[in-house]
């Protein structure tokens, strides 16, 4: 049985909503979807100033957890 699909934009929006609900993340984090075969994961990027702000490492760690959770539920369209 295949999983429902979502666009990259939908998955990123879901991740941002979960991050907002569970963590105090600095503004300026760029979230992208990295595909690998049949699976995918989130990647976070930020400029030096954003990456140096309090909470950034915790947000990246939480993004990995969110990606693991959503990756079990959804495939990426396209």
N, C-alpha and C. Protein backbone atom coordinates (compact mmCIF):
# COMPACT_ATOMS: atom_id res chain seq x y z
N UNK A 1 0.84 -1.18 0.00
CA UNK A 1 0.00 0.00 0.00
C UNK A 1 0.89 1.24 0.00
N UNK A 2 0.63 2.14 -0.92
CA UNK A 2 1.46 3.33 -1.00
C UNK A 2 0.95 4.42 -0.06
N UNK A 3 1.87 5.30 0.28
CA UNK A 3 1.54 6.41 1.17
C UNK A 3 0.95 7.55 0.35
N UNK A 4 0.16 8.41 0.97
CA UNK A 4 -0.32 9.60 0.26
C UNK A 4 0.87 10.49 -0.09
N UNK A 5 0.70 11.28 -1.13
CA UNK A 5 1.79 12.16 -1.56
C UNK A 5 1.48 13.61 -1.22
N UNK A 6 2.54 14.37 -1.01
CA UNK A 6 2.46 15.80 -0.77
C UNK A 6 3.57 16.47 -1.58
N UNK A 7 3.35 17.71 -1.95
CA UNK A 7 4.40 18.45 -2.64
C UNK A 7 5.47 18.83 -1.63
N UNK A 8 6.64 19.23 -2.15
CA UNK A 8 7.70 19.69 -1.25
C UNK A 8 7.22 20.89 -0.44
N UNK A 9 6.49 21.80 -1.08
CA UNK A 9 5.99 22.99 -0.38
C UNK A 9 5.04 22.60 0.75
N UNK A 10 4.18 21.61 0.51
CA UNK A 10 3.26 21.16 1.56
C UNK A 10 4.02 20.54 2.74
N UNK A 11 5.03 19.75 2.44
CA UNK A 11 5.82 19.11 3.49
C UNK A 11 6.58 20.15 4.31
N UNK A 12 7.16 21.14 3.64
CA UNK A 12 7.88 22.21 4.33
C UNK A 12 6.91 23.00 5.21
N UNK A 13 5.72 23.27 4.70
CA UNK A 13 4.71 24.00 5.49
C UNK A 13 4.32 23.20 6.73
N UNK A 14 4.18 21.89 6.59
CA UNK A 14 3.86 21.03 7.74
C UNK A 14 4.99 21.09 8.76
N UNK A 15 6.22 21.03 8.29
CA UNK A 15 7.38 21.08 9.20
C UNK A 15 7.43 22.41 9.92
N UNK A 16 7.21 23.50 9.20
CA UNK A 16 7.24 24.83 9.84
C UNK A 16 6.15 24.94 10.91
N UNK A 17 4.96 24.40 10.63
CA UNK A 17 3.87 24.45 11.61
C UNK A 17 4.23 23.66 12.87
N UNK A 18 4.83 22.48 12.69
CA UNK A 18 5.22 21.69 13.86
C UNK A 18 6.35 22.36 14.64
N UNK A 19 7.32 22.94 13.92
CA UNK A 19 8.40 23.65 14.61
C UNK A 19 7.86 24.81 15.42
N UNK A 20 6.92 25.54 14.83
CA UNK A 20 6.36 26.70 15.52
C UNK A 20 5.63 26.26 16.79
N UNK A 21 4.98 25.11 16.74
CA UNK A 21 4.21 24.62 17.89
C UNK A 21 5.11 24.06 19.00
N UNK A 22 6.29 23.56 18.63
CA UNK A 22 7.09 22.82 19.60
C UNK A 22 8.45 23.43 19.94
N UNK A 23 8.87 24.47 19.23
CA UNK A 23 10.20 25.01 19.47
C UNK A 23 10.22 26.52 19.23
N UNK A 24 11.17 27.18 19.85
CA UNK A 24 11.35 28.61 19.67
C UNK A 24 12.52 28.80 18.69
N UNK A 25 12.21 28.69 17.42
CA UNK A 25 13.24 28.74 16.38
C UNK A 25 13.49 30.17 15.90
N UNK A 26 14.76 30.48 15.62
CA UNK A 26 15.05 31.80 15.07
C UNK A 26 14.51 31.93 13.65
N UNK A 27 14.16 33.15 13.26
CA UNK A 27 13.73 33.40 11.88
C UNK A 27 14.94 33.23 10.96
N UNK A 28 14.68 32.91 9.71
CA UNK A 28 15.76 32.83 8.74
C UNK A 28 16.21 31.42 8.41
N UNK A 29 15.59 30.42 9.00
CA UNK A 29 15.94 29.04 8.68
C UNK A 29 15.27 28.66 7.36
N UNK A 30 16.06 28.14 6.43
CA UNK A 30 15.54 27.68 5.14
C UNK A 30 15.42 26.16 5.21
N UNK A 31 14.22 25.66 4.96
CA UNK A 31 13.98 24.21 4.99
C UNK A 31 13.78 23.73 3.57
N UNK A 32 14.49 22.66 3.21
CA UNK A 32 14.32 22.07 1.89
C UNK A 32 14.13 20.57 2.04
N UNK A 33 13.66 19.94 0.96
CA UNK A 33 13.43 18.50 0.94
C UNK A 33 14.53 17.87 0.08
N UNK A 34 15.23 16.91 0.64
CA UNK A 34 16.28 16.19 -0.06
C UNK A 34 15.78 14.79 -0.34
N UNK A 35 15.70 14.45 -1.62
CA UNK A 35 15.21 13.12 -2.00
C UNK A 35 16.39 12.16 -2.14
N UNK A 36 16.13 10.92 -1.76
CA UNK A 36 17.12 9.86 -1.89
C UNK A 36 16.40 8.57 -2.23
N UNK A 37 16.39 8.22 -3.50
CA UNK A 37 15.67 7.02 -3.92
C UNK A 37 14.18 7.18 -3.65
N UNK A 38 13.63 6.24 -2.89
CA UNK A 38 12.20 6.28 -2.56
C UNK A 38 11.92 7.06 -1.28
N UNK A 39 12.97 7.54 -0.62
CA UNK A 39 12.76 8.25 0.63
C UNK A 39 13.14 9.72 0.47
N UNK A 40 12.89 10.46 1.52
CA UNK A 40 13.23 11.89 1.54
C UNK A 40 13.48 12.32 2.96
N UNK A 41 14.14 13.46 3.11
CA UNK A 41 14.36 14.03 4.44
C UNK A 41 14.45 15.55 4.30
N UNK A 42 14.32 16.23 5.43
CA UNK A 42 14.45 17.68 5.45
C UNK A 42 15.91 18.07 5.62
N UNK A 43 16.27 19.21 5.07
CA UNK A 43 17.56 19.84 5.29
C UNK A 43 17.31 21.27 5.74
N UNK A 44 18.09 21.70 6.71
CA UNK A 44 17.99 23.08 7.20
C UNK A 44 19.25 23.83 6.79
N UNK A 45 19.07 25.08 6.44
CA UNK A 45 20.20 25.95 6.12
C UNK A 45 19.91 27.33 6.70
N UNK A 46 20.98 28.04 7.02
CA UNK A 46 20.82 29.39 7.56
C UNK A 46 22.14 30.13 7.40
N UNK A 47 22.05 31.45 7.39
CA UNK A 47 23.29 32.23 7.36
C UNK A 47 23.97 32.13 8.73
N UNK A 48 25.21 32.60 8.80
CA UNK A 48 25.99 32.46 10.04
C UNK A 48 25.30 33.10 11.25
N UNK A 49 24.72 34.27 11.06
CA UNK A 49 24.07 34.97 12.17
C UNK A 49 22.90 34.17 12.72
N UNK A 50 22.09 33.60 11.82
CA UNK A 50 20.94 32.80 12.26
C UNK A 50 21.41 31.52 12.94
N UNK A 51 22.41 30.87 12.35
CA UNK A 51 22.91 29.61 12.91
C UNK A 51 23.54 29.82 14.30
N UNK A 52 24.02 31.02 14.58
CA UNK A 52 24.64 31.31 15.87
C UNK A 52 23.64 31.67 16.96
N UNK A 53 22.38 31.88 16.57
CA UNK A 53 21.37 32.30 17.56
C UNK A 53 20.95 31.14 18.45
N UNK A 54 20.54 31.47 19.68
CA UNK A 54 20.08 30.42 20.61
C UNK A 54 18.88 29.67 20.01
N UNK A 55 18.88 28.39 20.19
CA UNK A 55 17.76 27.58 19.72
C UNK A 55 17.95 26.97 18.36
N UNK A 56 18.91 27.46 17.57
CA UNK A 56 19.08 26.92 16.21
C UNK A 56 19.42 25.43 16.21
N UNK A 57 20.42 24.97 16.99
CA UNK A 57 20.71 23.53 16.97
C UNK A 57 19.52 22.67 17.38
N UNK A 58 18.76 23.14 18.36
CA UNK A 58 17.58 22.38 18.80
C UNK A 58 16.53 22.31 17.70
N UNK A 59 16.38 23.40 16.94
CA UNK A 59 15.41 23.42 15.84
C UNK A 59 15.81 22.45 14.74
N UNK A 60 17.11 22.41 14.43
CA UNK A 60 17.58 21.47 13.41
C UNK A 60 17.34 20.03 13.87
N UNK A 61 17.62 19.75 15.13
CA UNK A 61 17.39 18.40 15.67
C UNK A 61 15.91 18.04 15.61
N UNK A 62 15.06 19.00 15.97
CA UNK A 62 13.62 18.76 15.92
C UNK A 62 13.15 18.56 14.47
N UNK A 63 13.75 19.30 13.54
CA UNK A 63 13.39 19.16 12.12
C UNK A 63 13.69 17.74 11.64
N UNK A 64 14.79 17.17 12.09
CA UNK A 64 15.13 15.79 11.73
C UNK A 64 14.06 14.84 12.25
N UNK A 65 13.63 15.04 13.49
CA UNK A 65 12.58 14.19 14.07
C UNK A 65 11.26 14.35 13.31
N UNK A 66 10.93 15.57 12.97
CA UNK A 66 9.69 15.83 12.21
C UNK A 66 9.78 15.15 10.85
N UNK A 67 10.93 15.24 10.21
CA UNK A 67 11.13 14.59 8.91
C UNK A 67 10.98 13.09 9.00
N UNK A 68 11.53 12.49 10.05
CA UNK A 68 11.38 11.04 10.25
C UNK A 68 9.90 10.67 10.38
N UNK A 69 9.19 11.46 11.16
CA UNK A 69 7.76 11.22 11.40
C UNK A 69 6.95 11.38 10.11
N UNK A 70 7.14 12.50 9.41
CA UNK A 70 6.39 12.75 8.18
C UNK A 70 6.81 11.81 7.04
N UNK A 71 8.08 11.42 7.03
CA UNK A 71 8.56 10.51 6.00
C UNK A 71 7.90 9.15 6.05
N UNK A 72 7.45 8.75 7.24
CA UNK A 72 6.72 7.48 7.39
C UNK A 72 5.28 7.60 6.93
N UNK A 73 4.79 8.84 6.85
CA UNK A 73 3.39 9.06 6.49
C UNK A 73 3.17 9.45 5.04
N UNK A 74 4.16 10.16 4.45
CA UNK A 74 3.96 10.76 3.12
C UNK A 74 5.13 10.50 2.19
N UNK A 75 4.81 10.37 0.92
CA UNK A 75 5.79 10.40 -0.15
C UNK A 75 5.78 11.80 -0.77
N UNK A 76 6.84 12.13 -1.51
CA UNK A 76 6.92 13.43 -2.17
C UNK A 76 6.39 13.29 -3.59
N UNK A 77 5.54 14.24 -4.00
CA UNK A 77 5.03 14.25 -5.38
C UNK A 77 6.15 14.54 -6.36
N UNK A 78 6.03 13.94 -7.53
CA UNK A 78 6.95 14.28 -8.60
C UNK A 78 8.17 13.49 -8.53
